[in-house]
PDB file of N, CA and C in Angstrom:
ATOM      1  N   ARG A   1      63.407  86.418 104.179  1.00  0.00           N
ATOM      2  CA  ARG A   1      63.593  85.714 105.446  1.00  0.00           C
ATOM      3  C   ARG A   1      62.235  85.247 105.997  1.00  0.00           C
ATOM      4  N   ASP A   2      61.500  86.132 106.603  1.00  0.00           N
ATOM      5  CA  ASP A   2      60.179  85.750 107.132  1.00  0.00           C
ATOM      6  C   ASP A   2      59.174  85.607 105.996  1.00  0.00           C
ATOM      7  N   TRP A   3      59.458  86.299 104.902  1.00  0.00           N
ATOM      8  CA  TRP A   3      58.532  86.246 103.754  1.00  0.00           C
ATOM      9  C   TRP A   3      58.401  84.814 103.247  1.00  0.00           C
ATOM     10  N   ASN A   4      59.545  84.159 103.086  1.00  0.00           N
ATOM     11  CA  ASN A   4      59.518  82.791 102.575  1.00  0.00           C
ATOM     12  C   ASN A   4      58.760  81.892 103.542  1.00  0.00           C
ATOM     13  N   PHE A   5      59.027  82.052 104.833  1.00  0.00           N
ATOM     14  CA  PHE A   5      58.368  81.235 105.850  1.00  0.00           C
ATOM     15  C   PHE A   5      56.858  81.489 105.831  1.00  0.00           C
ATOM     16  N   ALA A   6      56.479  82.767 105.742  1.00  0.00           N
ATOM     17  CA  ALA A   6      55.058  83.118 105.729  1.00  0.00           C
ATOM     18  C   ALA A   6      54.383  82.525 104.496  1.00  0.00           C
ATOM     19  N   ALA A   7      55.053  82.621 103.373  1.00  0.00           N
ATOM     20  CA  ALA A   7      54.473  82.092 102.129  1.00  0.00           C
ATOM     21  C   ALA A   7      54.313  80.580 102.233  1.00  0.00           C
ATOM     22  N   ARG A   8      55.333  79.929 102.779  1.00  0.00           N
ATOM     23  CA  ARG A   8      55.282  78.478 102.893  1.00  0.00           C
ATOM     24  C   ARG A   8      54.184  78.064 103.873  1.00  0.00           C
ATOM     25  N   ALA A   9      54.110  78.770 104.995  1.00  0.00           N
ATOM     26  CA  ALA A   9      53.095  78.462 106.002  1.00  0.00           C
ATOM     27  C   ALA A   9      51.705  78.694 105.420  1.00  0.00           C
ATOM     28  N   GLY A  10      51.547  79.779 104.681  1.00  0.00           N
ATOM     29  CA  GLY A  10      50.246  80.088 104.087  1.00  0.00           C
ATOM     30  C   GLY A  10      49.836  79.010 103.093  1.00  0.00           C
ATOM     31  N   GLN A  11      50.802  78.545 102.314  1.00  0.00           N
ATOM     32  CA  GLN A  11      50.490  77.512 101.323  1.00  0.00           C
ATOM     33  C   GLN A  11      50.082  76.224 102.022  1.00  0.00           C
ATOM     34  N   GLY A  12      50.811  75.877 103.087  1.00  0.00           N
ATOM     35  CA  GLY A  12      50.497  74.657 103.824  1.00  0.00           C
ATOM     36  C   GLY A  12      49.122  74.766 104.464  1.00  0.00           C
ATOM     37  N   LEU A  13      48.828  75.942 105.023  1.00  0.00           N
ATOM     38  CA  LEU A  13      47.533  76.141 105.671  1.00  0.00           C
ATOM     39  C   LEU A  13      46.416  76.038 104.639  1.00  0.00           C
ATOM     40  N   ASN A  14      46.637  76.652 103.473  1.00  0.00           N
ATOM     41  CA  ASN A  14      45.622  76.615 102.427  1.00  0.00           C
ATOM     42  C   ASN A  14      45.374  75.176 101.989  1.00  0.00           C
ATOM     43  N   ARG A  15      46.448  74.405 101.891  1.00  0.00           N
ATOM     44  CA  ARG A  15      46.321  73.010 101.477  1.00  0.00           C
ATOM     45  C   ARG A  15      45.572  72.219 102.541  1.00  0.00           C
ATOM     46  N   PHE A  16      45.876  72.501 103.812  1.00  0.00           N
ATOM     47  CA  PHE A  16      45.220  71.816 104.920  1.00  0.00           C
ATOM     48  C   PHE A  16      43.725  72.109 104.904  1.00  0.00           C
ATOM     49  N   ILE A  17      43.378  73.384 104.691  1.00  0.00           N
ATOM     50  CA  ILE A  17      41.967  73.777 104.653  1.00  0.00           C
ATOM     51  C   ILE A  17      41.265  73.096 103.482  1.00  0.00           C
ATOM     52  N   ALA A  18      41.943  73.026 102.346  1.00  0.00           N
ATOM     53  CA  ALA A  18      41.352  72.404 101.161  1.00  0.00           C
ATOM     54  C   ALA A  18      41.096  70.924 101.426  1.00  0.00           C
ATOM     55  N   ASP A  19      42.086  70.247 102.018  1.00  0.00           N
ATOM     56  CA  ASP A  19      41.937  68.824 102.311  1.00  0.00           C
ATOM     57  C   ASP A  19      40.816  68.607 103.317  1.00  0.00           C
ATOM     58  N   TYR A  20      40.748  69.472 104.331  1.00  0.00           N
ATOM     59  CA  TYR A  20      39.710  69.357 105.352  1.00  0.00           C
ATOM     60  C   TYR A  20      38.337  69.549 104.725  1.00  0.00           C
ATOM     61  N   GLY A  21      38.245  70.531 103.824  1.00  0.00           N
ATOM     62  CA  GLY A  21      36.969  70.793 103.169  1.00  0.00           C
ATOM     63  C   GLY A  21      36.533  69.611 102.314  1.00  0.00           C
ATOM     64  N   ILE A  22      37.505  68.981 101.650  1.00  0.00           N
ATOM     65  CA  ILE A  22      37.179  67.845 100.786  1.00  0.00           C
ATOM     66  C   ILE A  22      36.712  66.671 101.638  1.00  0.00           C
ATOM     67  N   ARG A  23      37.381  66.471 102.781  1.00  0.00           N
ATOM     68  CA  ARG A  23      37.000  65.350 103.645  1.00  0.00           C
ATOM     69  C   ARG A  23      35.634  65.572 104.278  1.00  0.00           C
ATOM     70  N   LYS A  24      35.423  66.804 104.722  1.00  0.00           N
ATOM     71  CA  LYS A  24      34.149  67.107 105.386  1.00  0.00           C
ATOM     72  C   LYS A  24      33.024  67.197 104.355  1.00  0.00           C
ATOM     73  N   GLY A  25      33.369  67.690 103.167  1.00  0.00           N
ATOM     74  CA  GLY A  25      32.365  67.805 102.123  1.00  0.00           C
ATOM     75  C   GLY A  25      31.633  69.132 102.238  1.00  0.00           C
ATOM     76  N   PRO A  26      30.926  69.525 101.196  1.00  0.00           N
ATOM     77  CA  PRO A  26      30.186  70.790 101.209  1.00  0.00           C
ATOM     78  C   PRO A  26      29.064  70.772 102.235  1.00  0.00           C
ATOM     79  N   VAL A  27      29.088  71.702 103.157  1.00  0.00           N
ATOM     80  CA  VAL A  27      28.056  71.744 104.200  1.00  0.00           C
ATOM     81  C   VAL A  27      27.398  73.118 104.175  1.00  0.00           C
TER      82      VAL A  27
END
Protein backbone atom coordinates (compact mmCIF):
# COMPACT_ATOMS: atom_id res chain seq x y z
CA ARG A 1 0.00 0.00 0.00
CA ASP A 2 2.27 2.81 1.19
CA TRP A 3 5.30 0.81 0.11
CA ASN A 4 4.41 1.13 -3.55
CA PHE A 5 3.73 4.85 -3.17
CA ALA A 6 7.00 5.39 -1.28
CA ALA A 7 8.95 3.46 -3.89
CA ARG A 8 7.34 5.39 -6.71
CA ALA A 9 7.88 8.73 -4.98
CA GLY A 10 11.50 7.83 -4.25
CA GLN A 11 12.11 6.88 -7.86
CA GLY A 12 10.55 10.12 -9.09
CA LEU A 13 12.58 12.15 -6.61
CA ASN A 14 15.78 10.38 -7.62
CA ARG A 15 15.02 11.08 -11.28
CA PHE A 16 14.28 14.73 -10.50
CA ILE A 17 17.57 15.09 -8.62
CA ALA A 18 19.45 13.42 -11.48
CA ASP A 19 17.87 15.73 -14.06
CA TYR A 20 18.56 18.77 -11.88
CA GLY A 21 22.18 17.71 -11.46
CA ILE A 22 22.59 17.25 -15.20
CA ARG A 23 21.09 20.66 -15.92
CA LYS A 24 23.10 22.43 -13.27
CA GLY A 25 26.24 20.48 -14.11
CA PRO A 26 29.03 19.37 -11.78
CA VAL A 27 29.73 22.13 -9.27
